[in-house]
Amino acid sequence: MPIAWQVTIDCADPNRLVAFWCEALGYVPEPPPEGWTSWLDYWLAAGLPEEELEGADEGSGAIIDPDGRRPRIWFQQVPEPKSVKNRVHLDLKLTPGRSMPYAARRARVDAEVERLVGLGAGIAYTNAPEGADYYAVTLRDPEGNEFCIV
């Protein structure tokens, strides 16, 4: 039997990251389970205490691929702030690699970087070694989580 899996990202404000990453990836907020009109109703029926559900009416904290091909991403609220570089990060691959001319790859990556910066990302650094046929940009989402555009 195949193993189901998701990507989980610790954060302070799940709703902020849900909005950013939906725009960045073309995902949608995860709808409530079938038969439920809201996540809040679902969790209350499951017995979770109301005081633990502040903001739960805004969603599950997860996003899904509307086509069902890519993994679910859950933004898990945690009390501690981000303090060091991520050990795991997402690479958003926008080009087919070296089968596309370098200038075209760079233009495609730069256009996406500009779009994501407009959504609230920040540029960490550009990875374009002198003389190499490689170009990528590392960004930070609105909470500082690193990800790459390649």
N, C-alpha and C. Protein backbone atom coordinates (compact mmCIF):
# COMPACT_ATOMS: atom_id res chain seq x y z
N MET A 1 0.84 -1.18 0.00
CA MET A 1 0.00 0.00 0.00
C MET A 1 0.89 1.24 0.00
N PRO A 2 0.61 2.20 -0.90
CA PRO A 2 1.43 3.42 -0.93
C PRO A 2 1.28 4.23 0.36
N ILE A 3 2.34 4.89 0.73
CA ILE A 3 2.33 5.74 1.92
C ILE A 3 1.89 7.14 1.53
N ALA A 4 0.89 7.68 2.21
CA ALA A 4 0.48 9.07 2.01
C ALA A 4 1.43 9.95 2.80
N TRP A 5 1.77 11.10 2.24
CA TRP A 5 2.67 12.01 2.95
C TRP A 5 2.32 13.44 2.61
N GLN A 6 2.79 14.33 3.45
CA GLN A 6 2.60 15.76 3.25
C GLN A 6 3.88 16.47 3.64
N VAL A 7 3.99 17.72 3.26
CA VAL A 7 5.09 18.57 3.71
C VAL A 7 4.53 19.42 4.84
N THR A 8 5.22 19.48 5.97
CA THR A 8 4.79 20.28 7.11
C THR A 8 5.83 21.38 7.35
N ILE A 9 5.33 22.61 7.46
CA ILE A 9 6.21 23.75 7.69
C ILE A 9 5.80 24.42 8.99
N ASP A 10 6.71 24.47 9.96
CA ASP A 10 6.44 25.16 11.22
C ASP A 10 6.37 26.66 10.96
N CYS A 11 5.47 27.33 11.68
CA CYS A 11 5.31 28.77 11.46
C CYS A 11 4.59 29.42 12.63
N ALA A 12 4.57 30.73 12.63
CA ALA A 12 3.86 31.50 13.66
C ALA A 12 2.43 31.81 13.22
N ASP A 13 2.22 32.04 11.92
CA ASP A 13 0.92 32.48 11.41
C ASP A 13 0.52 31.64 10.20
N PRO A 14 -0.15 30.50 10.42
CA PRO A 14 -0.53 29.65 9.30
C PRO A 14 -1.35 30.36 8.23
N ASN A 15 -2.26 31.22 8.62
CA ASN A 15 -3.11 31.88 7.63
C ASN A 15 -2.30 32.75 6.66
N ARG A 16 -1.29 33.41 7.19
CA ARG A 16 -0.41 34.25 6.34
C ARG A 16 0.32 33.40 5.32
N LEU A 17 0.85 32.25 5.77
CA LEU A 17 1.58 31.39 4.85
C LEU A 17 0.66 30.64 3.89
N VAL A 18 -0.54 30.29 4.33
CA VAL A 18 -1.53 29.68 3.42
C VAL A 18 -1.77 30.63 2.24
N ALA A 19 -2.00 31.90 2.54
CA ALA A 19 -2.27 32.87 1.47
C ALA A 19 -1.07 33.00 0.53
N PHE A 20 0.14 33.13 1.09
CA PHE A 20 1.34 33.28 0.25
C PHE A 20 1.56 32.06 -0.62
N TRP A 21 1.57 30.87 -0.01
CA TRP A 21 1.91 29.67 -0.75
C TRP A 21 0.83 29.25 -1.74
N CYS A 22 -0.43 29.57 -1.47
CA CYS A 22 -1.47 29.31 -2.48
C CYS A 22 -1.15 30.09 -3.75
N GLU A 23 -0.79 31.35 -3.59
CA GLU A 23 -0.43 32.18 -4.75
C GLU A 23 0.86 31.70 -5.39
N ALA A 24 1.83 31.32 -4.60
CA ALA A 24 3.13 30.91 -5.13
C ALA A 24 3.03 29.62 -5.93
N LEU A 25 2.21 28.67 -5.47
CA LEU A 25 2.18 27.34 -6.07
C LEU A 25 0.94 27.04 -6.90
N GLY A 26 -0.05 27.92 -6.86
CA GLY A 26 -1.30 27.61 -7.55
C GLY A 26 -2.14 26.58 -6.80
N TYR A 27 -1.93 26.51 -5.50
CA TYR A 27 -2.71 25.62 -4.62
C TYR A 27 -3.96 26.36 -4.15
N VAL A 28 -4.80 25.64 -3.40
CA VAL A 28 -5.98 26.23 -2.78
C VAL A 28 -6.02 25.83 -1.31
N PRO A 29 -6.67 26.64 -0.45
CA PRO A 29 -6.82 26.22 0.94
C PRO A 29 -7.60 24.90 0.99
N GLU A 30 -7.20 24.04 1.89
CA GLU A 30 -7.88 22.75 2.02
C GLU A 30 -9.31 22.95 2.51
N PRO A 31 -10.31 22.42 1.80
CA PRO A 31 -11.69 22.58 2.26
C PRO A 31 -11.97 21.68 3.46
N PRO A 32 -13.03 21.99 4.23
CA PRO A 32 -13.38 21.12 5.35
C PRO A 32 -13.75 19.72 4.84
N PRO A 33 -13.66 18.72 5.72
CA PRO A 33 -14.02 17.35 5.32
C PRO A 33 -15.48 17.30 4.84
N GLU A 34 -15.74 16.34 3.97
CA GLU A 34 -17.09 16.17 3.44
C GLU A 34 -18.10 16.05 4.58
N GLY A 35 -19.20 16.77 4.44
CA GLY A 35 -20.25 16.75 5.46
C GLY A 35 -20.13 17.87 6.48
N TRP A 36 -19.07 18.68 6.40
CA TRP A 36 -18.85 19.76 7.36
C TRP A 36 -18.78 21.08 6.60
N THR A 37 -19.40 22.11 7.17
CA THR A 37 -19.39 23.41 6.51
C THR A 37 -18.16 24.24 6.87
N SER A 38 -17.47 23.88 7.96
CA SER A 38 -16.27 24.61 8.34
C SER A 38 -15.35 23.70 9.14
N TRP A 39 -14.07 24.08 9.16
CA TRP A 39 -13.11 23.35 9.98
C TRP A 39 -13.44 23.50 11.47
N LEU A 40 -13.91 24.68 11.86
CA LEU A 40 -14.26 24.90 13.26
C LEU A 40 -15.33 23.91 13.71
N ASP A 41 -16.39 23.75 12.93
CA ASP A 41 -17.44 22.78 13.27
C ASP A 41 -16.88 21.37 13.35
N TYR A 42 -16.02 21.03 12.42
CA TYR A 42 -15.43 19.69 12.39
C TYR A 42 -14.63 19.42 13.67
N TRP A 43 -13.76 20.39 14.02
CA TRP A 43 -12.92 20.17 15.21
C TRP A 43 -13.72 20.21 16.51
N LEU A 44 -14.72 21.04 16.60
CA LEU A 44 -15.56 21.06 17.80
C LEU A 44 -16.28 19.72 17.95
N ALA A 45 -16.76 19.17 16.84
CA ALA A 45 -17.43 17.87 16.89
C ALA A 45 -16.46 16.75 17.27
N ALA A 46 -15.18 16.94 16.94
CA ALA A 46 -14.16 15.94 17.29
C ALA A 46 -13.75 16.04 18.75
N GLY A 47 -14.24 17.08 19.46
CA GLY A 47 -13.96 17.21 20.87
C GLY A 47 -12.81 18.12 21.23
N LEU A 48 -12.26 18.87 20.26
CA LEU A 48 -11.20 19.80 20.60
C LEU A 48 -11.78 20.97 21.39
N PRO A 49 -11.09 21.42 22.44
CA PRO A 49 -11.60 22.52 23.25
C PRO A 49 -11.65 23.82 22.44
N GLU A 50 -12.72 24.58 22.62
CA GLU A 50 -12.91 25.81 21.87
C GLU A 50 -11.76 26.79 22.06
N GLU A 51 -11.18 26.85 23.26
CA GLU A 51 -10.09 27.80 23.51
C GLU A 51 -8.83 27.45 22.71
N GLU A 52 -8.71 26.23 22.24
CA GLU A 52 -7.56 25.84 21.42
C GLU A 52 -7.79 26.10 19.93
N LEU A 53 -8.97 26.56 19.58
CA LEU A 53 -9.34 26.68 18.18
C LEU A 53 -9.42 28.12 17.69
N GLU A 54 -8.72 29.01 18.33
CA GLU A 54 -8.71 30.40 17.89
C GLU A 54 -8.19 30.48 16.46
N GLY A 55 -8.95 31.10 15.58
CA GLY A 55 -8.58 31.23 14.18
C GLY A 55 -8.92 30.01 13.34
N ALA A 56 -9.47 28.98 13.94
CA ALA A 56 -9.76 27.75 13.21
C ALA A 56 -10.86 27.92 12.18
N ASP A 57 -11.67 28.97 12.32
CA ASP A 57 -12.71 29.21 11.33
C ASP A 57 -12.12 29.68 10.01
N GLU A 58 -10.81 30.00 9.98
CA GLU A 58 -10.18 30.48 8.76
C GLU A 58 -9.63 29.33 7.92
N GLY A 59 -9.60 28.12 8.43
CA GLY A 59 -9.12 26.98 7.64
C GLY A 59 -8.34 26.00 8.47
N SER A 60 -7.84 24.97 7.79
CA SER A 60 -7.11 23.90 8.46
C SER A 60 -5.64 24.23 8.64
N GLY A 61 -5.18 25.28 7.97
CA GLY A 61 -3.74 25.56 7.96
C GLY A 61 -3.03 24.78 6.88
N ALA A 62 -3.80 24.11 6.02
CA ALA A 62 -3.21 23.30 4.95
C ALA A 62 -3.68 23.81 3.59
N ILE A 63 -2.82 23.52 2.60
CA ILE A 63 -3.16 23.83 1.21
C ILE A 63 -3.02 22.56 0.39
N ILE A 64 -3.79 22.50 -0.69
CA ILE A 64 -3.77 21.31 -1.54
C ILE A 64 -3.69 21.73 -3.00
N ASP A 65 -3.16 20.83 -3.80
CA ASP A 65 -3.12 21.00 -5.24
C ASP A 65 -4.53 20.74 -5.76
N PRO A 66 -5.15 21.70 -6.45
CA PRO A 66 -6.52 21.48 -6.92
C PRO A 66 -6.63 20.32 -7.91
N ASP A 67 -5.51 19.93 -8.54
CA ASP A 67 -5.52 18.78 -9.46
C ASP A 67 -5.21 17.47 -8.75
N GLY A 68 -4.84 17.54 -7.47
CA GLY A 68 -4.58 16.34 -6.69
C GLY A 68 -3.29 15.61 -7.03
N ARG A 69 -2.37 16.24 -7.72
CA ARG A 69 -1.13 15.57 -8.12
C ARG A 69 0.02 15.82 -7.15
N ARG A 70 0.08 17.01 -6.61
CA ARG A 70 1.21 17.38 -5.75
C ARG A 70 0.82 17.21 -4.27
N PRO A 71 1.80 17.15 -3.37
CA PRO A 71 1.49 16.86 -1.97
C PRO A 71 0.77 17.99 -1.24
N ARG A 72 0.04 17.60 -0.23
CA ARG A 72 -0.59 18.54 0.70
C ARG A 72 0.53 19.21 1.49
N ILE A 73 0.35 20.50 1.80
CA ILE A 73 1.31 21.22 2.64
C ILE A 73 0.55 21.77 3.83
N TRP A 74 1.03 21.45 5.03
CA TRP A 74 0.38 21.90 6.25
C TRP A 74 1.30 22.87 6.97
N PHE A 75 0.76 24.02 7.34
CA PHE A 75 1.50 25.03 8.08
C PHE A 75 1.11 24.90 9.55
N GLN A 76 2.03 24.33 10.30
CA GLN A 76 1.79 23.99 11.70
C GLN A 76 2.24 25.14 12.59
N GLN A 77 1.29 25.68 13.33
CA GLN A 77 1.62 26.79 14.24
C GLN A 77 2.44 26.27 15.41
N VAL A 78 3.57 26.93 15.66
CA VAL A 78 4.43 26.57 16.78
C VAL A 78 4.75 27.84 17.56
N PRO A 79 5.06 27.72 18.85
CA PRO A 79 5.29 28.92 19.67
C PRO A 79 6.65 29.58 19.47
N GLU A 80 7.65 28.81 19.07
CA GLU A 80 8.99 29.37 18.96
C GLU A 80 9.21 29.98 17.58
N PRO A 81 9.99 31.06 17.49
CA PRO A 81 10.28 31.67 16.19
C PRO A 81 11.33 30.87 15.42
N LYS A 82 11.39 31.07 14.13
CA LYS A 82 12.43 30.46 13.31
C LYS A 82 13.76 31.06 13.74
N SER A 83 14.78 30.21 13.91
CA SER A 83 16.04 30.73 14.42
C SER A 83 17.26 30.41 13.56
N VAL A 84 17.17 29.39 12.71
CA VAL A 84 18.32 29.01 11.88
C VAL A 84 17.84 28.67 10.47
N LYS A 85 18.80 28.48 9.58
CA LYS A 85 18.49 28.09 8.21
C LYS A 85 17.75 26.75 8.19
N ASN A 86 16.80 26.63 7.26
CA ASN A 86 16.07 25.37 7.09
C ASN A 86 17.03 24.25 6.71
N ARG A 87 16.77 23.05 7.22
CA ARG A 87 17.53 21.88 6.80
C ARG A 87 16.87 21.23 5.59
N VAL A 88 15.60 21.51 5.36
CA VAL A 88 14.85 21.03 4.21
C VAL A 88 14.15 22.24 3.62
N HIS A 89 14.11 22.32 2.29
CA HIS A 89 13.40 23.43 1.68
C HIS A 89 12.79 22.99 0.35
N LEU A 90 11.90 23.79 -0.18
CA LEU A 90 11.29 23.51 -1.47
C LEU A 90 12.12 24.14 -2.58
N ASP A 91 12.26 23.44 -3.70
CA ASP A 91 12.81 23.98 -4.93
C ASP A 91 11.66 24.07 -5.91
N LEU A 92 11.37 25.26 -6.40
CA LEU A 92 10.33 25.43 -7.40
C LEU A 92 11.02 25.44 -8.75
N LYS A 93 10.85 24.36 -9.48
CA LYS A 93 11.56 24.18 -10.75
C LYS A 93 10.71 24.72 -11.89
N LEU A 94 11.15 25.84 -12.46
CA LEU A 94 10.41 26.52 -13.52
C LEU A 94 10.97 26.30 -14.91
N THR A 95 12.15 25.72 -14.97
CA THR A 95 12.79 25.53 -16.27
C THR A 95 13.11 24.05 -16.48
N PRO A 96 13.30 23.65 -17.73
CA PRO A 96 13.67 22.26 -18.00
C PRO A 96 15.17 22.00 -17.87
N GLY A 97 15.89 22.95 -17.30
CA GLY A 97 17.33 22.78 -17.16
C GLY A 97 18.07 23.18 -18.41
N ARG A 98 19.18 22.54 -18.67
CA ARG A 98 20.10 22.96 -19.73
C ARG A 98 19.55 22.77 -21.13
N SER A 99 18.38 22.13 -21.28
CA SER A 99 17.80 22.02 -22.62
C SER A 99 17.22 23.37 -23.07
N MET A 100 17.12 24.33 -22.13
CA MET A 100 16.67 25.68 -22.46
C MET A 100 17.88 26.59 -22.38
N PRO A 101 18.03 27.53 -23.31
CA PRO A 101 19.17 28.44 -23.25
C PRO A 101 19.24 29.19 -21.91
N TYR A 102 20.48 29.42 -21.48
CA TYR A 102 20.74 30.06 -20.19
C TYR A 102 19.96 31.37 -20.04
N ALA A 103 20.00 32.24 -21.04
CA ALA A 103 19.33 33.54 -20.94
C ALA A 103 17.83 33.38 -20.74
N ALA A 104 17.23 32.41 -21.40
CA ALA A 104 15.79 32.17 -21.25
C ALA A 104 15.47 31.62 -19.86
N ARG A 105 16.33 30.72 -19.36
CA ARG A 105 16.13 30.20 -18.00
C ARG A 105 16.23 31.32 -16.98
N ARG A 106 17.25 32.14 -17.13
CA ARG A 106 17.45 33.25 -16.19
C ARG A 106 16.27 34.22 -16.23
N ALA A 107 15.77 34.54 -17.41
CA ALA A 107 14.62 35.44 -17.53
C ALA A 107 13.39 34.84 -16.86
N ARG A 108 13.16 33.54 -17.04
CA ARG A 108 12.00 32.88 -16.43
C ARG A 108 12.11 32.89 -14.91
N VAL A 109 13.30 32.56 -14.40
CA VAL A 109 13.52 32.56 -12.95
C VAL A 109 13.34 33.98 -12.40
N ASP A 110 13.95 34.95 -13.04
CA ASP A 110 13.85 36.34 -12.56
C ASP A 110 12.41 36.85 -12.56
N ALA A 111 11.62 36.48 -13.56
CA ALA A 111 10.21 36.90 -13.60
C ALA A 111 9.44 36.31 -12.43
N GLU A 112 9.71 35.05 -12.10
CA GLU A 112 9.01 34.42 -10.97
C GLU A 112 9.48 35.01 -9.65
N VAL A 113 10.76 35.30 -9.54
CA VAL A 113 11.28 35.95 -8.34
C VAL A 113 10.58 37.29 -8.13
N GLU A 114 10.46 38.06 -9.18
CA GLU A 114 9.79 39.36 -9.08
C GLU A 114 8.34 39.19 -8.63
N ARG A 115 7.64 38.20 -9.18
CA ARG A 115 6.24 37.94 -8.78
C ARG A 115 6.15 37.57 -7.30
N LEU A 116 7.03 36.68 -6.86
CA LEU A 116 6.98 36.22 -5.47
C LEU A 116 7.40 37.30 -4.49
N VAL A 117 8.35 38.13 -4.85
CA VAL A 117 8.72 39.26 -4.01
C VAL A 117 7.52 40.19 -3.87
N GLY A 118 6.76 40.36 -4.93
CA GLY A 118 5.54 41.17 -4.86
C GLY A 118 4.49 40.59 -3.94
N LEU A 119 4.56 39.28 -3.70
CA LEU A 119 3.62 38.61 -2.79
C LEU A 119 4.10 38.61 -1.34
N GLY A 120 5.35 39.05 -1.11
CA GLY A 120 5.85 39.10 0.25
C GLY A 120 7.12 38.31 0.51
N ALA A 121 7.67 37.65 -0.50
CA ALA A 121 8.93 36.93 -0.32
C ALA A 121 10.08 37.93 -0.28
N GLY A 122 11.21 37.50 0.25
CA GLY A 122 12.43 38.30 0.24
C GLY A 122 13.54 37.51 -0.43
N ILE A 123 14.46 38.21 -1.07
CA ILE A 123 15.58 37.54 -1.73
C ILE A 123 16.67 37.27 -0.70
N ALA A 124 17.10 36.02 -0.60
CA ALA A 124 18.22 35.66 0.28
C ALA A 124 19.53 35.81 -0.48
N TYR A 125 19.65 35.17 -1.64
CA TYR A 125 20.84 35.30 -2.47
C TYR A 125 20.59 34.67 -3.84
N THR A 126 21.45 35.03 -4.79
CA THR A 126 21.41 34.48 -6.13
C THR A 126 22.55 33.48 -6.26
N ASN A 127 22.25 32.34 -6.86
CA ASN A 127 23.26 31.30 -7.07
C ASN A 127 23.54 31.22 -8.57
N ALA A 128 24.56 31.94 -9.00
CA ALA A 128 24.96 31.97 -10.41
C ALA A 128 26.48 31.99 -10.46
N PRO A 129 27.11 30.83 -10.22
CA PRO A 129 28.57 30.79 -10.21
C PRO A 129 29.17 31.30 -11.52
N GLU A 130 30.25 32.05 -11.41
CA GLU A 130 30.95 32.59 -12.57
C GLU A 130 31.35 31.45 -13.51
N GLY A 131 30.96 31.56 -14.76
CA GLY A 131 31.33 30.57 -15.76
C GLY A 131 30.47 29.32 -15.78
N ALA A 132 29.56 29.17 -14.84
CA ALA A 132 28.70 27.99 -14.79
C ALA A 132 27.43 28.21 -15.59
N ASP A 133 26.89 27.14 -16.11
CA ASP A 133 25.63 27.19 -16.85
C ASP A 133 24.49 26.87 -15.88
N TYR A 134 24.44 27.61 -14.78
CA TYR A 134 23.48 27.35 -13.72
C TYR A 134 23.00 28.68 -13.16
N TYR A 135 21.69 28.76 -12.87
CA TYR A 135 21.15 29.98 -12.29
C TYR A 135 19.97 29.62 -11.40
N ALA A 136 19.97 30.10 -10.18
CA ALA A 136 18.88 29.88 -9.23
C ALA A 136 18.87 31.06 -8.26
N VAL A 137 17.74 31.29 -7.65
CA VAL A 137 17.62 32.34 -6.64
C VAL A 137 16.98 31.73 -5.41
N THR A 138 17.59 31.96 -4.26
CA THR A 138 17.03 31.51 -2.99
C THR A 138 16.24 32.68 -2.39
N LEU A 139 15.00 32.39 -2.04
CA LEU A 139 14.09 33.37 -1.45
C LEU A 139 13.74 32.94 -0.04
N ARG A 140 13.08 33.85 0.68
CA ARG A 140 12.50 33.56 1.99
C ARG A 140 11.03 33.90 1.93
N ASP A 141 10.17 32.99 2.42
CA ASP A 141 8.75 33.30 2.46
C ASP A 141 8.49 34.36 3.52
N PRO A 142 7.25 34.82 3.72
CA PRO A 142 7.00 35.90 4.67
C PRO A 142 7.43 35.62 6.11
N GLU A 143 7.70 34.37 6.48
CA GLU A 143 8.20 34.07 7.82
C GLU A 143 9.67 33.69 7.82
N GLY A 144 10.34 33.81 6.69
CA GLY A 144 11.77 33.56 6.64
C GLY A 144 12.18 32.17 6.21
N ASN A 145 11.24 31.31 5.84
CA ASN A 145 11.57 29.95 5.39
C ASN A 145 12.17 30.02 3.99
N GLU A 146 13.35 29.42 3.81
CA GLU A 146 14.04 29.48 2.54
C GLU A 146 13.41 28.54 1.52
N PHE A 147 13.43 28.96 0.26
CA PHE A 147 13.05 28.11 -0.87
C PHE A 147 13.76 28.65 -2.10
N CYS A 148 13.91 27.79 -3.11
CA CYS A 148 14.68 28.17 -4.29
C CYS A 148 13.81 28.19 -5.54
N ILE A 149 14.15 29.09 -6.44
CA ILE A 149 13.56 29.14 -7.77
C ILE A 149 14.66 28.72 -8.74
N VAL A 150 14.45 27.65 -9.48
CA VAL A 150 15.45 27.14 -10.42
C VAL A 150 14.83 26.96 -11.80
